[in-house]
Amino acid sequence: MGIISCIHSILFVLMVAQVIHGSEIDLKLDSVIPPNITTDYANFFTHSAFRVLIGADPPTAFKFMKVSEAEFPALNGQGVSYAVLQFPSGSLNPSHRHPHSAELLFLLIGSLKVGFVDANDVLHTKTLQAGDLFIFPVGVVHYQYNYGRDLAFAISAFGSANVRTITTPGLSKRLPSLARLMHQMLRR
């Protein structure tokens, strides 16, 4: 390796190191806190909306509760939001997509059949059990269905503080009847 190649390699490594170091967030210097905050930081960074779920009766239909930048301003600029999903037996979270965010679903209780449609219009499905994680890539049409006899409870994390959800009615019209059929077949 010549001296010029060595110099180029060293410069490249230094540039990459600078980019990596420059992209790290220093919470003391770079955090996105509005200047007009009058409460202490601990209160600003705390949100209690999910407390209503503790000890509550299970829902009778699919129910979700999200916390995004709109509900929890401390998420502004953080690139993350959250949702809790509750699925009574036989319930469906109809097909939808998130155009600017992936969704990482963590199944805490029960079982779910999940699926998404890829860019080639191929449906990919998986049966999840409690403790499983599943990622829905950015922008793909996806759904979740509780085929089990018991409640399923999941948490979804998103790579955006202001995740948009777009329903896909064409696929949703076919999925509920498919979901009911699957449910009947699994109950036999």
C-alpha atoms as a PDB file:
ATOM      1  CA  MET A   1       0.000   0.000   0.000  1.00  0.00           C
ATOM      2  CA  GLY A   2       1.457   3.347  -1.023  1.00  0.00           C
ATOM      3  CA  ILE A   3       1.827   6.399   1.182  1.00  0.00           C
ATOM      4  CA  ILE A   4      -1.049   8.145  -0.669  1.00  0.00           C
ATOM      5  CA  SER A   5      -3.361   5.159  -0.051  1.00  0.00           C
ATOM      6  CA  CYS A   6      -2.402   5.155   3.654  1.00  0.00           C
ATOM      7  CA  ILE A   7      -3.138   8.880   3.928  1.00  0.00           C
ATOM      8  CA  HIS A   8      -6.504   8.394   2.178  1.00  0.00           C
ATOM      9  CA  SER A   9      -7.354   5.508   4.537  1.00  0.00           C
ATOM     10  CA  ILE A  10      -6.462   7.547   7.611  1.00  0.00           C
ATOM     11  CA  LEU A  11      -8.486  10.533   6.363  1.00  0.00           C
ATOM     12  CA  PHE A  12     -11.454   8.265   5.635  1.00  0.00           C
ATOM     13  CA  VAL A  13     -11.330   6.750   9.146  1.00  0.00           C
ATOM     14  CA  LEU A  14     -11.116  10.222  10.702  1.00  0.00           C
ATOM     15  CA  MET A  15     -14.080  11.466   8.630  1.00  0.00           C
ATOM     16  CA  VAL A  16     -16.209   8.433   9.602  1.00  0.00           C
ATOM     17  CA  ALA A  17     -15.270   8.899  13.279  1.00  0.00           C
ATOM     18  CA  GLN A  18     -16.268  12.583  13.080  1.00  0.00           C
ATOM     19  CA  VAL A  19     -19.638  11.719  11.486  1.00  0.00           C
ATOM     20  CA  ILE A  20     -20.360   9.076  14.137  1.00  0.00           C
ATOM     21  CA  HIS A  21     -19.301  11.382  16.968  1.00  0.00           C
ATOM     22  CA  GLY A  22     -21.258  14.287  15.455  1.00  0.00           C
ATOM     23  CA  SER A  23     -24.465  12.232  15.313  1.00  0.00           C
ATOM     24  CA  GLU A  24     -24.424  11.260  18.989  1.00  0.00           C
ATOM     25  CA  ILE A  25     -26.887  13.166  21.134  1.00  0.00           C
ATOM     26  CA  ASP A  26     -25.656  14.925  24.246  1.00  0.00           C
ATOM     27  CA  LEU A  27     -28.784  15.211  26.391  1.00  0.00           C
ATOM     28  CA  LYS A  28     -27.333  18.161  28.288  1.00  0.00           C
ATOM     29  CA  LEU A  29     -26.750  20.110  25.082  1.00  0.00           C
ATOM     30  CA  ASP A  30     -29.008  18.709  22.369  1.00  0.00           C
ATOM     31  CA  SER A  31     -32.269  17.800  24.065  1.00  0.00           C
ATOM     32  CA  VAL A  32     -35.416  19.279  22.617  1.00  0.00           C
ATOM     33  CA  ILE A  33     -37.012  21.001  25.588  1.00  0.00           C
ATOM     34  CA  PRO A  34     -39.266  23.933  24.905  1.00  0.00           C
ATOM     35  CA  PRO A  35     -37.864  27.117  26.487  1.00  0.00           C
ATOM     36  CA  ASN A  36     -41.156  27.931  28.235  1.00  0.00           C
ATOM     37  CA  ILE A  37     -41.216  24.824  30.467  1.00  0.00           C
ATOM     38  CA  THR A  38     -42.138  25.954  33.971  1.00  0.00           C
ATOM     39  CA  THR A  39     -42.309  22.561  35.683  1.00  0.00           C
ATOM     40  CA  ASP A  40     -39.289  20.520  36.647  1.00  0.00           C
ATOM     41  CA  TYR A  41     -37.749  18.225  34.063  1.00  0.00           C
ATOM     42  CA  ALA A  42     -38.918  15.037  35.791  1.00  0.00           C
ATOM     43  CA  ASN A  43     -42.556  16.071  35.310  1.00  0.00           C
ATOM     44  CA  PHE A  44     -41.921  17.095  31.704  1.00  0.00           C
ATOM     45  CA  PHE A  45     -40.452  13.659  30.947  1.00  0.00           C
ATOM     46  CA  THR A  46     -43.264  11.711  32.699  1.00  0.00           C
ATOM     47  CA  HIS A  47     -46.577  10.646  31.166  1.00  0.00           C
ATOM     48  CA  SER A  48     -49.197   8.641  33.067  1.00  0.00           C
ATOM     49  CA  ALA A  49     -51.824   7.859  30.413  1.00  0.00           C
ATOM     50  CA  PHE A  50     -51.327   4.091  30.576  1.00  0.00           C
ATOM     51  CA  ARG A  51     -52.239   3.956  34.275  1.00  0.00           C
ATOM     52  CA  VAL A  52     -55.895   3.519  33.263  1.00  0.00           C
ATOM     53  CA  LEU A  53     -54.977   0.073  31.930  1.00  0.00           C
ATOM     54  CA  ILE A  54     -53.842  -1.251  35.309  1.00  0.00           C
ATOM     55  CA  GLY A  55     -56.669  -3.290  36.829  1.00  0.00           C
ATOM     56  CA  ALA A  56     -59.139  -2.311  34.083  1.00  0.00           C
ATOM     57  CA  ASP A  57     -61.652  -4.791  32.703  1.00  0.00           C
ATOM     58  CA  PRO A  58     -60.635  -6.307  29.371  1.00  0.00           C
ATOM     59  CA  PRO A  59     -62.227  -4.644  26.351  1.00  0.00           C
ATOM     60  CA  THR A  60     -64.957  -6.391  24.347  1.00  0.00           C
ATOM     61  CA  ALA A  61     -63.492  -5.321  20.978  1.00  0.00           C
ATOM     62  CA  PHE A  62     -59.999  -4.514  19.730  1.00  0.00           C
ATOM     63  CA  LYS A  63     -58.697  -1.426  21.504  1.00  0.00           C
ATOM     64  CA  PHE A  64     -55.511   0.562  21.215  1.00  0.00           C
ATOM     65  CA  MET A  65     -54.096   3.491  23.086  1.00  0.00           C
ATOM     66  CA  LYS A  66     -51.200   5.492  21.721  1.00  0.00           C
ATOM     67  CA  VAL A  67     -48.810   7.993  23.170  1.00  0.00           C
ATOM     68  CA  SER A  68     -47.169  10.198  20.584  1.00  0.00           C
ATOM     69  CA  GLU A  69     -45.856  13.739  20.522  1.00  0.00           C
ATOM     70  CA  ALA A  70     -49.422  15.092  20.592  1.00  0.00           C
ATOM     71  CA  GLU A  71     -50.188  13.405  23.925  1.00  0.00           C
ATOM     72  CA  PHE A  72     -46.664  13.587  25.399  1.00  0.00           C
ATOM     73  CA  PRO A  73     -44.727  16.699  24.256  1.00  0.00           C
ATOM     74  CA  ALA A  74     -41.434  15.383  25.666  1.00  0.00           C
ATOM     75  CA  LEU A  75     -41.362  13.010  22.669  1.00  0.00           C
ATOM     76  CA  ASN A  76     -40.813  15.971  20.331  1.00  0.00           C
ATOM     77  CA  GLY A  77     -37.521  15.390  18.530  1.00  0.00           C
ATOM     78  CA  GLN A  78     -36.909  12.009  20.167  1.00  0.00           C
ATOM     79  CA  GLY A  79     -37.987   9.812  17.220  1.00  0.00           C
ATOM     80  CA  VAL A  80     -40.070   7.385  19.290  1.00  0.00           C
ATOM     81  CA  SER A  81     -43.686   6.765  20.307  1.00  0.00           C
ATOM     82  CA  TYR A  82     -45.675   3.922  21.824  1.00  0.00           C
ATOM     83  CA  ALA A  83     -49.004   2.131  21.656  1.00  0.00           C
ATOM     84  CA  VAL A  84     -50.733  -0.505  23.767  1.00  0.00           C
ATOM     85  CA  LEU A  85     -52.960  -2.941  21.885  1.00  0.00           C
ATOM     86  CA  GLN A  86     -55.632  -5.133  23.506  1.00  0.00           C
ATOM     87  CA  PHE A  87     -57.199  -7.984  21.550  1.00  0.00           C
ATOM     88  CA  PRO A  88     -60.153  -9.905  22.972  1.00  0.00           C
ATOM     89  CA  SER A  89     -60.624 -13.371  21.477  1.00  0.00           C
ATOM     90  CA  GLY A  90     -61.479 -13.171  17.768  1.00  0.00           C
ATOM     91  CA  SER A  91     -60.626  -9.479  17.403  1.00  0.00           C
ATOM     92  CA  LEU A  92     -58.699  -7.861  14.585  1.00  0.00           C
ATOM     93  CA  ASN A  93     -56.558  -4.766  14.213  1.00  0.00           C
ATOM     94  CA  PRO A  94     -57.558  -4.083  10.596  1.00  0.00           C
ATOM     95  CA  SER A  95     -55.015  -3.601   7.862  1.00  0.00           C
ATOM     96  CA  HIS A  96     -53.166  -0.307   7.970  1.00  0.00           C
ATOM     97  CA  ARG A  97     -49.723   1.143   7.397  1.00  0.00           C
ATOM     98  CA  HIS A  98     -47.355   3.698   8.888  1.00  0.00           C
ATOM     99  CA  PRO A  99     -45.732   5.533   5.947  1.00  0.00           C
ATOM    100  CA  HIS A 100     -42.801   7.009   7.905  1.00  0.00           C
ATOM    101  CA  SER A 101     -42.123   4.521  10.680  1.00  0.00           C
ATOM    102  CA  ALA A 102     -41.405   0.890  11.399  1.00  0.00           C
ATOM    103  CA  GLU A 103     -43.443  -0.761  14.149  1.00  0.00           C
ATOM    104  CA  LEU A 104     -41.858  -3.120  16.664  1.00  0.00           C
ATOM    105  CA  LEU A 105     -44.591  -5.184  18.319  1.00  0.00           C
ATOM    106  CA  PHE A 106     -43.900  -6.982  21.615  1.00  0.00           C
ATOM    107  CA  LEU A 107     -46.557  -9.542  22.562  1.00  0.00           C
ATOM    108  CA  LEU A 108     -46.866  -9.705  26.353  1.00  0.00           C
ATOM    109  CA  ILE A 109     -49.933 -11.935  26.786  1.00  0.00           C
ATOM    110  CA  GLY A 110     -51.738 -14.396  24.523  1.00  0.00           C
ATOM    111  CA  SER A 111     -51.150 -15.235  20.892  1.00  0.00           C
ATOM    112  CA  LEU A 112     -51.588 -13.298  17.664  1.00  0.00           C
ATOM    113  CA  LYS A 113     -51.528 -14.028  13.978  1.00  0.00           C
ATOM    114  CA  VAL A 114     -49.721 -11.132  12.304  1.00  0.00           C
ATOM    115  CA  GLY A 115     -49.123 -10.405   8.667  1.00  0.00           C
ATOM    116  CA  PHE A 116     -47.859  -7.854   6.212  1.00  0.00           C
ATOM    117  CA  VAL A 117     -47.900  -7.414   2.462  1.00  0.00           C
ATOM    118  CA  ASP A 118     -44.495  -6.823   0.859  1.00  0.00           C
ATOM    119  CA  ALA A 119     -43.641  -4.690  -2.192  1.00  0.00           C
ATOM    120  CA  ASN A 120     -44.400  -7.672  -4.475  1.00  0.00           C
ATOM    121  CA  ASP A 121     -47.935  -7.954  -3.047  1.00  0.00           C
ATOM    122  CA  VAL A 122     -47.056 -11.155  -1.167  1.00  0.00           C
ATOM    123  CA  LEU A 123     -48.681 -11.727   2.219  1.00  0.00           C
ATOM    124  CA  HIS A 124     -46.291 -12.902   4.957  1.00  0.00           C
ATOM    125  CA  THR A 125     -47.857 -14.237   8.168  1.00  0.00           C
ATOM    126  CA  LYS A 126     -46.526 -15.464  11.482  1.00  0.00           C
ATOM    127  CA  THR A 127     -48.124 -16.790  14.644  1.00  0.00           C
ATOM    128  CA  LEU A 128     -46.724 -15.067  17.722  1.00  0.00           C
ATOM    129  CA  GLN A 129     -46.723 -16.290  21.308  1.00  0.00           C
ATOM    130  CA  ALA A 130     -46.238 -14.250  24.477  1.00  0.00           C
ATOM    131  CA  GLY A 131     -42.675 -12.964  24.619  1.00  0.00           C
ATOM    132  CA  ASP A 132     -42.253 -12.703  20.835  1.00  0.00           C
ATOM    133  CA  LEU A 133     -41.230  -9.552  18.980  1.00  0.00           C
ATOM    134  CA  PHE A 134     -42.232  -8.804  15.393  1.00  0.00           C
ATOM    135  CA  ILE A 135     -41.213  -5.867  13.212  1.00  0.00           C
ATOM    136  CA  PHE A 136     -43.415  -4.376  10.536  1.00  0.00           C
ATOM    137  CA  PRO A 137     -41.093  -2.555   8.115  1.00  0.00           C
ATOM    138  CA  VAL A 138     -41.681   1.108   7.279  1.00  0.00           C
ATOM    139  CA  GLY A 139     -44.758   1.653   5.107  1.00  0.00           C
ATOM    140  CA  VAL A 140     -45.941  -1.953   4.685  1.00  0.00           C
ATOM    141  CA  VAL A 141     -49.638  -2.824   4.990  1.00  0.00           C
ATOM    142  CA  HIS A 142     -50.079  -5.035   8.040  1.00  0.00           C
ATOM    143  CA  TYR A 143     -52.613  -6.422  10.522  1.00  0.00           C
ATOM    144  CA  GLN A 144     -52.869  -8.427  13.755  1.00  0.00           C
ATOM    145  CA  TYR A 145     -55.547 -10.985  14.659  1.00  0.00           C
ATOM    146  CA  ASN A 146     -56.231 -12.770  17.959  1.00  0.00           C
ATOM    147  CA  TYR A 147     -57.293 -16.282  17.001  1.00  0.00           C
ATOM    148  CA  GLY A 148     -56.933 -17.557  20.590  1.00  0.00           C
ATOM    149  CA  ARG A 149     -59.568 -17.979  23.260  1.00  0.00           C
ATOM    150  CA  ASP A 150     -57.945 -15.506  25.666  1.00  0.00           C
ATOM    151  CA  LEU A 151     -57.062 -11.829  25.632  1.00  0.00           C
ATOM    152  CA  ALA A 152     -53.874 -10.860  23.804  1.00  0.00           C
ATOM    153  CA  PHE A 153     -51.974  -7.802  24.992  1.00  0.00           C
ATOM    154  CA  ALA A 154     -49.160  -6.157  23.025  1.00  0.00           C
ATOM    155  CA  ILE A 155     -47.009  -3.052  23.067  1.00  0.00           C
ATOM    156  CA  SER A 156     -45.819  -1.379  19.877  1.00  0.00           C
ATOM    157  CA  ALA A 157     -42.891   0.988  19.624  1.00  0.00           C
ATOM    158  CA  PHE A 158     -42.515   3.306  16.632  1.00  0.00           C
ATOM    159  CA  GLY A 159     -39.487   5.079  15.181  1.00  0.00           C
ATOM    160  CA  SER A 160     -41.311   8.402  15.061  1.00  0.00           C
ATOM    161  CA  ALA A 161     -42.707  10.741  17.685  1.00  0.00           C
ATOM    162  CA  ASN A 162     -45.638  11.534  15.408  1.00  0.00           C
ATOM    163  CA  VAL A 163     -46.498   8.260  13.713  1.00  0.00           C
ATOM    164  CA  ARG A 164     -49.191   8.420  11.041  1.00  0.00           C
ATOM    165  CA  THR A 165     -51.581   5.513  10.565  1.00  0.00           C
ATOM    166  CA  ILE A 166     -53.306   5.053   7.225  1.00  0.00           C
ATOM    167  CA  THR A 167     -56.063   2.444   7.026  1.00  0.00           C
ATOM    168  CA  THR A 168     -56.264   0.289   3.920  1.00  0.00           C
ATOM    169  CA  PRO A 169     -59.984  -0.384   3.458  1.00  0.00           C
ATOM    170  CA  GLY A 170     -59.625  -2.647   0.412  1.00  0.00           C
ATOM    171  CA  LEU A 171     -57.627  -5.236   2.304  1.00  0.00           C
ATOM    172  CA  SER A 172     -59.542  -4.668   5.539  1.00  0.00           C
ATOM    173  CA  LYS A 173     -62.794  -5.645   3.845  1.00  0.00           C
ATOM    174  CA  ARG A 174     -61.322  -9.044   2.975  1.00  0.00           C
ATOM    175  CA  LEU A 175     -59.438  -9.632   6.244  1.00  0.00           C
ATOM    176  CA  PRO A 176     -62.327  -9.521   8.749  1.00  0.00           C
ATOM    177  CA  SER A 177     -64.172 -12.312   6.927  1.00  0.00           C
ATOM    178  CA  LEU A 178     -60.907 -14.241   6.566  1.00  0.00           C
ATOM    179  CA  ALA A 179     -60.195 -13.648  10.258  1.00  0.00           C
ATOM    180  CA  ARG A 180     -63.643 -14.911  11.262  1.00  0.00           C
ATOM    181  CA  LEU A 181     -63.193 -17.983   9.072  1.00  0.00           C
ATOM    182  CA  MET A 182     -59.772 -18.685  10.601  1.00  0.00           C
ATOM    183  CA  HIS A 183     -61.225 -18.212  14.084  1.00  0.00           C
ATOM    184  CA  GLN A 184     -64.018 -20.713  13.393  1.00  0.00           C
ATOM    185  CA  MET A 185     -61.549 -23.241  11.960  1.00  0.00           C
ATOM    186  CA  LEU A 186     -59.202 -22.908  14.960  1.00  0.00           C
ATOM    187  CA  ARG A 187     -62.072 -23.352  17.446  1.00  0.00           C
ATOM    188  CA  ARG A 188     -62.982 -26.748  15.962  1.00  0.00           C
END
